[in-house]
């Protein structure tokens, strides 16, 4: 099991379980200025589509984001774009392999599944801002914050953009 146990480094020390991802909801006002801009772009686009992506790219923010959409009604979220913060943690090869695959197919799904609830919440409500800690999966814990914006169209298809600062 990939790093679900944290070892203290002392010889013979007992392993202790670590929460794979800690998610701490924060007021939107704590988000960085560029994350606030992503939220403003979301409010300007009632639907997810090429216009939103073009505006994100024109603002120089796309490379800081993770983008997922569902292909069919109530279908799984599928990786569409993986930006630099996520590549920096999981690697370019991981990102390349994930494009076009469902979130649940992520080899780290067992540890990162709590993020699915955050993504789902963003598709059903206002954008959400969290401070998170990815621990117990990699050699060192990875703190990050993200503004998650989402859409759900009348047919039930979803889109999520996570603006990540690591």
C-alpha atoms as a PDB file:
ATOM      1  CA  UNK A   1       0.000   0.000   0.000  1.00  0.00           C
ATOM      2  CA  UNK A   2       1.587   3.257  -1.188  1.00  0.00           C
ATOM      3  CA  UNK A   3       2.799   5.206   1.782  1.00  0.00           C
ATOM      4  CA  UNK A   4      -0.319   4.912   3.892  1.00  0.00           C
ATOM      5  CA  UNK A   5       1.941   4.589   6.868  1.00  0.00           C
ATOM      6  CA  UNK A   6       4.368   7.230   8.026  1.00  0.00           C
ATOM      7  CA  UNK A   7       7.582   6.125   9.611  1.00  0.00           C
ATOM      8  CA  UNK A   8       9.258   8.336  12.160  1.00  0.00           C
ATOM      9  CA  UNK A   9      12.763   7.514  10.946  1.00  0.00           C
ATOM     10  CA  UNK A  10      13.839   5.966  14.253  1.00  0.00           C
ATOM     11  CA  UNK A  11      15.101   2.399  13.990  1.00  0.00           C
ATOM     12  CA  UNK A  12      12.320   0.023  14.995  1.00  0.00           C
ATOM     13  CA  UNK A  13       9.793   2.809  15.528  1.00  0.00           C
ATOM     14  CA  UNK A  14       6.196   1.787  15.108  1.00  0.00           C
ATOM     15  CA  UNK A  15       4.404   3.000  12.014  1.00  0.00           C
ATOM     16  CA  UNK A  16       1.413   5.258  12.519  1.00  0.00           C
ATOM     17  CA  UNK A  17      -1.455   5.860  10.107  1.00  0.00           C
ATOM     18  CA  UNK A  18      -1.561   9.260   8.427  1.00  0.00           C
ATOM     19  CA  UNK A  19      -4.588  10.890   6.836  1.00  0.00           C
ATOM     20  CA  UNK A  20      -3.744  10.849   3.107  1.00  0.00           C
ATOM     21  CA  UNK A  21      -5.324  14.264   2.442  1.00  0.00           C
ATOM     22  CA  UNK A  22      -6.378  16.826   5.000  1.00  0.00           C
ATOM     23  CA  UNK A  23      -8.864  19.390   3.684  1.00  0.00           C
ATOM     24  CA  UNK A  24      -9.561  22.555   5.672  1.00  0.00           C
ATOM     25  CA  UNK A  25     -12.264  24.868   4.331  1.00  0.00           C
ATOM     26  CA  UNK A  26     -11.304  28.523   4.391  1.00  0.00           C
ATOM     27  CA  UNK A  27     -13.212  31.713   3.620  1.00  0.00           C
ATOM     28  CA  UNK A  28     -12.801  32.722  -0.032  1.00  0.00           C
ATOM     29  CA  UNK A  29     -11.128  35.939   1.122  1.00  0.00           C
ATOM     30  CA  UNK A  30      -8.047  33.904   2.075  1.00  0.00           C
ATOM     31  CA  UNK A  31      -7.499  32.881  -1.560  1.00  0.00           C
ATOM     32  CA  UNK A  32      -4.640  34.426  -3.474  1.00  0.00           C
ATOM     33  CA  UNK A  33      -5.414  37.220  -5.927  1.00  0.00           C
ATOM     34  CA  UNK A  34      -4.960  34.977  -8.978  1.00  0.00           C
ATOM     35  CA  UNK A  35      -7.274  32.353  -7.449  1.00  0.00           C
ATOM     36  CA  UNK A  36      -9.851  35.087  -6.875  1.00  0.00           C
ATOM     37  CA  UNK A  37      -9.495  35.912 -10.578  1.00  0.00           C
ATOM     38  CA  UNK A  38     -10.334  32.299 -11.487  1.00  0.00           C
ATOM     39  CA  UNK A  39     -13.436  32.605  -9.304  1.00  0.00           C
ATOM     40  CA  UNK A  40     -14.404  35.847 -11.085  1.00  0.00           C
ATOM     41  CA  UNK A  41     -13.945  34.163 -14.471  1.00  0.00           C
ATOM     42  CA  UNK A  42     -16.214  31.358 -13.297  1.00  0.00           C
ATOM     43  CA  UNK A  43     -18.923  33.866 -12.386  1.00  0.00           C
ATOM     44  CA  UNK A  44     -18.607  35.407 -15.863  1.00  0.00           C
ATOM     45  CA  UNK A  45     -19.183  32.012 -17.548  1.00  0.00           C
ATOM     46  CA  UNK A  46     -22.496  30.330 -16.839  1.00  0.00           C
ATOM     47  CA  UNK A  47     -21.282  27.280 -18.749  1.00  0.00           C
ATOM     48  CA  UNK A  48     -17.932  25.555 -18.940  1.00  0.00           C
ATOM     49  CA  UNK A  49     -16.504  25.596 -22.423  1.00  0.00           C
ATOM     50  CA  UNK A  50     -13.878  26.943 -24.790  1.00  0.00           C
ATOM     51  CA  UNK A  51     -14.627  30.549 -23.762  1.00  0.00           C
ATOM     52  CA  UNK A  52     -13.762  29.921 -20.125  1.00  0.00           C
ATOM     53  CA  UNK A  53     -10.617  28.003 -21.042  1.00  0.00           C
ATOM     54  CA  UNK A  54      -9.562  30.780 -23.463  1.00  0.00           C
ATOM     55  CA  UNK A  55     -10.073  33.433 -20.771  1.00  0.00           C
ATOM     56  CA  UNK A  56      -8.108  31.348 -18.266  1.00  0.00           C
ATOM     57  CA  UNK A  57      -5.297  30.920 -20.785  1.00  0.00           C
ATOM     58  CA  UNK A  58      -5.328  34.623 -21.769  1.00  0.00           C
ATOM     59  CA  UNK A  59      -4.934  35.537 -18.087  1.00  0.00           C
ATOM     60  CA  UNK A  60      -1.925  33.192 -17.853  1.00  0.00           C
ATOM     61  CA  UNK A  61      -3.696  30.980 -15.302  1.00  0.00           C
ATOM     62  CA  UNK A  62      -4.421  27.733 -17.144  1.00  0.00           C
ATOM     63  CA  UNK A  63      -0.993  26.258 -16.343  1.00  0.00           C
ATOM     64  CA  UNK A  64      -1.774  26.590 -12.620  1.00  0.00           C
ATOM     65  CA  UNK A  65      -4.977  24.554 -12.861  1.00  0.00           C
ATOM     66  CA  UNK A  66      -6.292  21.015 -12.979  1.00  0.00           C
ATOM     67  CA  UNK A  67      -9.273  20.604 -15.338  1.00  0.00           C
ATOM     68  CA  UNK A  68     -11.723  17.689 -15.305  1.00  0.00           C
ATOM     69  CA  UNK A  69     -15.028  17.129 -17.080  1.00  0.00           C
ATOM     70  CA  UNK A  70     -17.560  14.342 -17.301  1.00  0.00           C
ATOM     71  CA  UNK A  71     -18.269  12.975 -20.757  1.00  0.00           C
ATOM     72  CA  UNK A  72     -21.798  11.840 -20.041  1.00  0.00           C
ATOM     73  CA  UNK A  73     -24.625  12.478 -17.615  1.00  0.00           C
ATOM     74  CA  UNK A  74     -23.549  11.389 -14.137  1.00  0.00           C
ATOM     75  CA  UNK A  75     -20.354   9.979 -15.627  1.00  0.00           C
ATOM     76  CA  UNK A  76     -17.038  10.157 -13.793  1.00  0.00           C
ATOM     77  CA  UNK A  77     -14.868  13.245 -13.891  1.00  0.00           C
ATOM     78  CA  UNK A  78     -12.109  12.741 -16.457  1.00  0.00           C
ATOM     79  CA  UNK A  79      -8.709  14.437 -16.445  1.00  0.00           C
ATOM     80  CA  UNK A  80      -8.515  16.955 -19.315  1.00  0.00           C
ATOM     81  CA  UNK A  81      -5.581  19.175 -18.330  1.00  0.00           C
ATOM     82  CA  UNK A  82      -2.949  18.928 -15.602  1.00  0.00           C
ATOM     83  CA  UNK A  83      -1.076  22.117 -14.707  1.00  0.00           C
ATOM     84  CA  UNK A  84       2.358  22.718 -13.236  1.00  0.00           C
ATOM     85  CA  UNK A  85       1.534  22.441  -9.501  1.00  0.00           C
ATOM     86  CA  UNK A  86       0.119  18.922  -9.913  1.00  0.00           C
ATOM     87  CA  UNK A  87       2.893  17.882 -12.307  1.00  0.00           C
ATOM     88  CA  UNK A  88       5.406  19.125  -9.743  1.00  0.00           C
ATOM     89  CA  UNK A  89       3.988  16.716  -7.167  1.00  0.00           C
ATOM     90  CA  UNK A  90       3.100  13.623  -9.208  1.00  0.00           C
ATOM     91  CA  UNK A  91       5.384  14.032 -12.230  1.00  0.00           C
ATOM     92  CA  UNK A  92       4.956  14.635 -15.949  1.00  0.00           C
ATOM     93  CA  UNK A  93       4.634  10.922 -16.734  1.00  0.00           C
ATOM     94  CA  UNK A  94       1.778  10.537 -14.230  1.00  0.00           C
ATOM     95  CA  UNK A  95       0.033  13.573 -15.783  1.00  0.00           C
ATOM     96  CA  UNK A  96       0.480  12.215 -19.304  1.00  0.00           C
ATOM     97  CA  UNK A  97      -1.007   8.849 -18.305  1.00  0.00           C
ATOM     98  CA  UNK A  98      -4.002  10.433 -16.540  1.00  0.00           C
ATOM     99  CA  UNK A  99      -5.252  12.611 -19.413  1.00  0.00           C
ATOM    100  CA  UNK A 100      -8.506  11.113 -20.684  1.00  0.00           C
ATOM    101  CA  UNK A 101      -8.879   8.777 -17.704  1.00  0.00           C
ATOM    102  CA  UNK A 102     -11.459   8.975 -14.925  1.00  0.00           C
ATOM    103  CA  UNK A 103     -10.467  10.465 -11.598  1.00  0.00           C
ATOM    104  CA  UNK A 104     -11.088   7.087  -9.963  1.00  0.00           C
ATOM    105  CA  UNK A 105      -8.471   5.479 -12.261  1.00  0.00           C
ATOM    106  CA  UNK A 106      -5.740   7.588 -10.631  1.00  0.00           C
ATOM    107  CA  UNK A 107      -3.191   5.150  -9.156  1.00  0.00           C
ATOM    108  CA  UNK A 108      -3.253   7.308  -6.011  1.00  0.00           C
ATOM    109  CA  UNK A 109      -7.078   7.210  -5.803  1.00  0.00           C
ATOM    110  CA  UNK A 110      -7.027   5.319  -2.506  1.00  0.00           C
ATOM    111  CA  UNK A 111      -5.305   8.309  -0.922  1.00  0.00           C
ATOM    112  CA  UNK A 112      -6.757  11.200  -2.917  1.00  0.00           C
ATOM    113  CA  UNK A 113     -10.429  10.131  -2.920  1.00  0.00           C
ATOM    114  CA  UNK A 114     -11.365  12.852  -0.379  1.00  0.00           C
ATOM    115  CA  UNK A 115     -10.738  15.402  -3.129  1.00  0.00           C
ATOM    116  CA  UNK A 116     -13.641  13.917  -5.135  1.00  0.00           C
ATOM    117  CA  UNK A 117     -16.076  15.243  -2.518  1.00  0.00           C
ATOM    118  CA  UNK A 118     -14.592  18.728  -2.891  1.00  0.00           C
ATOM    119  CA  UNK A 119     -14.920  18.558  -6.678  1.00  0.00           C
ATOM    120  CA  UNK A 120     -18.508  17.364  -6.436  1.00  0.00           C
ATOM    121  CA  UNK A 121     -19.367  20.139  -4.003  1.00  0.00           C
ATOM    122  CA  UNK A 122     -18.012  22.746  -6.409  1.00  0.00           C
ATOM    123  CA  UNK A 123     -20.252  21.446  -9.210  1.00  0.00           C
ATOM    124  CA  UNK A 124     -23.328  21.836  -7.012  1.00  0.00           C
ATOM    125  CA  UNK A 125     -22.647  25.131  -5.272  1.00  0.00           C
ATOM    126  CA  UNK A 126     -20.420  28.163  -5.177  1.00  0.00           C
ATOM    127  CA  UNK A 127     -16.662  27.922  -5.592  1.00  0.00           C
ATOM    128  CA  UNK A 128     -14.820  26.535  -2.577  1.00  0.00           C
ATOM    129  CA  UNK A 129     -11.418  27.439  -1.165  1.00  0.00           C
ATOM    130  CA  UNK A 130      -9.383  24.989   0.899  1.00  0.00           C
ATOM    131  CA  UNK A 131      -5.981  24.673   2.489  1.00  0.00           C
ATOM    132  CA  UNK A 132      -4.878  21.070   2.154  1.00  0.00           C
ATOM    133  CA  UNK A 133      -2.079  18.763   3.162  1.00  0.00           C
ATOM    134  CA  UNK A 134      -1.255  15.721   1.061  1.00  0.00           C
ATOM    135  CA  UNK A 135       0.479  13.417   3.530  1.00  0.00           C
ATOM    136  CA  UNK A 136       1.252   9.740   3.791  1.00  0.00           C
ATOM    137  CA  UNK A 137       1.541   9.342   0.029  1.00  0.00           C
ATOM    138  CA  UNK A 138       4.867  10.923  -0.901  1.00  0.00           C
ATOM    139  CA  UNK A 139       8.196  11.074   0.941  1.00  0.00           C
ATOM    140  CA  UNK A 140       7.346  14.537   2.285  1.00  0.00           C
ATOM    141  CA  UNK A 141       3.953  16.118   3.022  1.00  0.00           C
ATOM    142  CA  UNK A 142       2.792  18.576   0.355  1.00  0.00           C
ATOM    143  CA  UNK A 143       0.828  21.613   1.561  1.00  0.00           C
ATOM    144  CA  UNK A 144      -1.303  23.407  -1.011  1.00  0.00           C
ATOM    145  CA  UNK A 145      -4.350  25.582  -1.344  1.00  0.00           C
ATOM    146  CA  UNK A 146      -6.886  25.563  -4.119  1.00  0.00           C
ATOM    147  CA  UNK A 147      -9.901  27.470  -5.349  1.00  0.00           C
ATOM    148  CA  UNK A 148     -12.253  24.934  -6.903  1.00  0.00           C
ATOM    149  CA  UNK A 149     -14.893  26.128  -9.345  1.00  0.00           C
ATOM    150  CA  UNK A 150     -17.405  23.936 -11.090  1.00  0.00           C
ATOM    151  CA  UNK A 151     -20.370  23.631 -13.377  1.00  0.00           C
ATOM    152  CA  UNK A 152     -23.226  21.208 -13.894  1.00  0.00           C
ATOM    153  CA  UNK A 153     -25.169  21.547 -17.129  1.00  0.00           C
ATOM    154  CA  UNK A 154     -28.917  20.851 -17.410  1.00  0.00           C
ATOM    155  CA  UNK A 155     -28.142  17.301 -18.566  1.00  0.00           C
ATOM    156  CA  UNK A 156     -26.003  16.569 -15.494  1.00  0.00           C
ATOM    157  CA  UNK A 157     -22.568  16.728 -17.111  1.00  0.00           C
ATOM    158  CA  UNK A 158     -19.971  18.330 -14.851  1.00  0.00           C
ATOM    159  CA  UNK A 159     -16.775  20.317 -15.133  1.00  0.00           C
ATOM    160  CA  UNK A 160     -14.291  21.230 -12.411  1.00  0.00           C
ATOM    161  CA  UNK A 161     -11.300  23.553 -12.413  1.00  0.00           C
ATOM    162  CA  UNK A 162      -8.979  23.486  -9.417  1.00  0.00           C
ATOM    163  CA  UNK A 163      -6.701  26.538  -9.205  1.00  0.00           C
ATOM    164  CA  UNK A 164      -3.795  25.148  -7.188  1.00  0.00           C
ATOM    165  CA  UNK A 165      -1.058  26.996  -5.343  1.00  0.00           C
ATOM    166  CA  UNK A 166       1.550  24.617  -3.946  1.00  0.00           C
END
